[in-house]
Amino acid sequence: MFNSWSSLGHTLLAGSLGYVIIVFLLRISGKRTLSKWNSFDFVVTIAFGSVLASMILSKETSLAQASLGFGILVLYQFLITWLAVRSPMVQTLIKAEPTLLFHKGQFKSSALK
């Protein structure tokens, strides 16, 4: 059913500390880190979950490694956002324009393709 009590303890401790670290980093990084939900934000959010899962489930991934991973993701998110605000070229690369798929009761087949 389970490997050992120490494995369960590791999961409990690593999960709790990882959660606190993510909340702390997201609070200091500002609302932008997870607010816009463009494709870049989505990838960063998925990466947060992946790092957290690795930290919780693998004894080979240390708290320091996971914390550094979270920090790098937040730093890159900040840098890309900073560059996008100042460079139209960077903004074009990371942000997609929304596409209207349904209008006045009709699907836009050209947009769906």
Protein backbone atom coordinates (compact mmCIF):
# COMPACT_ATOMS: atom_id res chain seq x y z
CA MET A 1 0.00 0.00 0.00
CA PHE A 2 2.87 2.37 0.76
CA ASN A 3 6.65 2.15 0.90
CA SER A 4 7.27 3.41 4.40
CA TRP A 5 6.26 5.98 6.97
CA SER A 6 9.35 8.01 6.11
CA SER A 7 8.18 8.26 2.48
CA LEU A 8 4.82 9.57 3.66
CA GLY A 9 6.60 12.01 5.98
CA HIS A 10 8.79 13.20 3.10
CA THR A 11 5.74 13.78 0.92
CA LEU A 12 3.96 15.69 3.69
CA LEU A 13 6.97 17.86 4.53
CA ALA A 14 8.08 18.47 0.93
CA GLY A 15 4.53 19.23 -0.20
CA SER A 16 3.94 21.66 2.64
CA LEU A 17 7.26 23.48 2.19
CA GLY A 18 6.87 23.55 -1.59
CA TYR A 19 3.41 25.06 -1.27
CA VAL A 20 4.69 27.77 1.09
CA ILE A 21 7.59 28.56 -1.25
CA ILE A 22 5.32 28.84 -4.31
CA VAL A 23 2.88 31.12 -2.46
CA PHE A 24 5.75 33.28 -1.20
CA LEU A 25 7.37 33.62 -4.62
CA LEU A 26 4.06 34.37 -6.32
CA ARG A 27 3.26 37.03 -3.72
CA ILE A 28 6.60 38.81 -4.15
CA SER A 29 6.54 38.48 -7.95
CA GLY A 30 3.23 40.29 -8.26
CA LYS A 31 -0.09 39.49 -9.83
CA ARG A 32 1.29 39.39 -13.36
CA THR A 33 2.92 35.98 -12.94
CA LEU A 34 -0.38 34.12 -13.28
CA SER A 35 -2.83 36.81 -14.35
CA LYS A 36 -2.99 37.06 -18.14
CA TRP A 37 -3.13 33.41 -19.11
CA ASN A 38 -1.53 33.68 -22.49
CA SER A 39 0.39 30.64 -23.72
CA PHE A 40 3.60 31.74 -22.00
CA ASP A 41 1.81 32.10 -18.63
CA PHE A 42 0.22 28.70 -19.13
CA VAL A 43 3.60 27.04 -19.71
CA VAL A 44 5.06 28.67 -16.58
CA THR A 45 2.08 27.53 -14.50
CA ILE A 46 2.43 23.96 -15.74
CA ALA A 47 6.16 24.10 -14.98
CA PHE A 48 5.36 25.19 -11.39
CA GLY A 49 3.24 22.09 -10.99
CA SER A 50 5.90 19.88 -12.50
CA VAL A 51 8.63 21.20 -10.20
CA LEU A 52 6.34 20.82 -7.19
CA ALA A 53 5.44 17.25 -8.17
CA SER A 54 9.11 16.35 -8.61
CA MET A 55 9.93 17.79 -5.21
CA ILE A 56 7.06 16.00 -3.48
CA LEU A 57 7.41 12.59 -5.11
CA SER A 58 11.16 12.26 -5.66
CA LYS A 59 13.67 12.10 -2.84
CA GLU A 60 16.38 12.95 -5.40
CA THR A 61 14.97 16.48 -5.85
CA SER A 62 15.97 18.57 -2.87
CA LEU A 63 14.08 21.50 -1.42
CA ALA A 64 16.92 23.79 -2.52
CA GLN A 65 16.74 22.50 -6.12
CA ALA A 66 12.98 22.94 -6.28
CA SER A 67 13.18 26.41 -4.71
CA LEU A 68 15.79 27.40 -7.30
CA GLY A 69 13.54 26.02 -10.03
CA PHE A 70 10.59 28.07 -8.78
CA GLY A 71 12.79 31.14 -8.51
CA ILE A 72 14.11 30.73 -12.05
CA LEU A 73 10.57 30.43 -13.42
CA VAL A 74 9.45 33.57 -11.58
CA LEU A 75 12.58 35.44 -12.69
CA TYR A 76 12.12 34.45 -16.34
CA GLN A 77 8.44 35.36 -16.17
CA PHE A 78 9.39 38.79 -14.82
CA LEU A 79 12.14 39.31 -17.43
CA ILE A 80 9.96 38.27 -20.36
CA THR A 81 7.15 40.52 -19.14
CA TRP A 82 9.57 43.43 -18.64
CA LEU A 83 10.96 42.94 -22.15
CA ALA A 84 7.49 42.58 -23.69
CA VAL A 85 6.37 45.91 -22.22
CA ARG A 86 9.42 47.64 -23.71
CA SER A 87 9.77 45.81 -27.02
CA PRO A 88 6.96 45.33 -29.53
CA MET A 89 8.95 42.53 -31.15
CA VAL A 90 9.14 40.53 -27.89
CA GLN A 91 5.47 41.23 -27.23
CA THR A 92 4.58 39.88 -30.67
CA LEU A 93 6.63 36.74 -30.02
CA ILE A 94 5.02 35.81 -26.71
CA LYS A 95 1.46 37.09 -27.01
CA ALA A 96 -1.13 35.85 -29.45
CA GLU A 97 -4.07 37.93 -30.57
CA PRO A 98 -7.45 36.51 -29.51
CA THR A 99 -9.53 34.97 -32.29
CA LEU A 100 -13.30 35.25 -32.40
CA LEU A 101 -14.71 31.77 -32.94
CA PHE A 102 -18.44 32.36 -32.47
CA HIS A 103 -20.35 35.54 -33.34
CA LYS A 104 -24.09 36.32 -33.45
CA GLY A 105 -25.03 32.66 -33.16
CA GLN A 106 -22.70 31.52 -35.94
CA PHE A 107 -19.39 29.67 -35.80
CA LYS A 108 -16.58 31.38 -37.71
CA SER A 109 -15.40 28.40 -39.76
CA SER A 110 -12.39 30.23 -41.15
CA ALA A 111 -11.19 30.98 -37.60
CA LEU A 112 -11.83 27.41 -36.49
CA LYS A 113 -9.56 26.10 -39.24
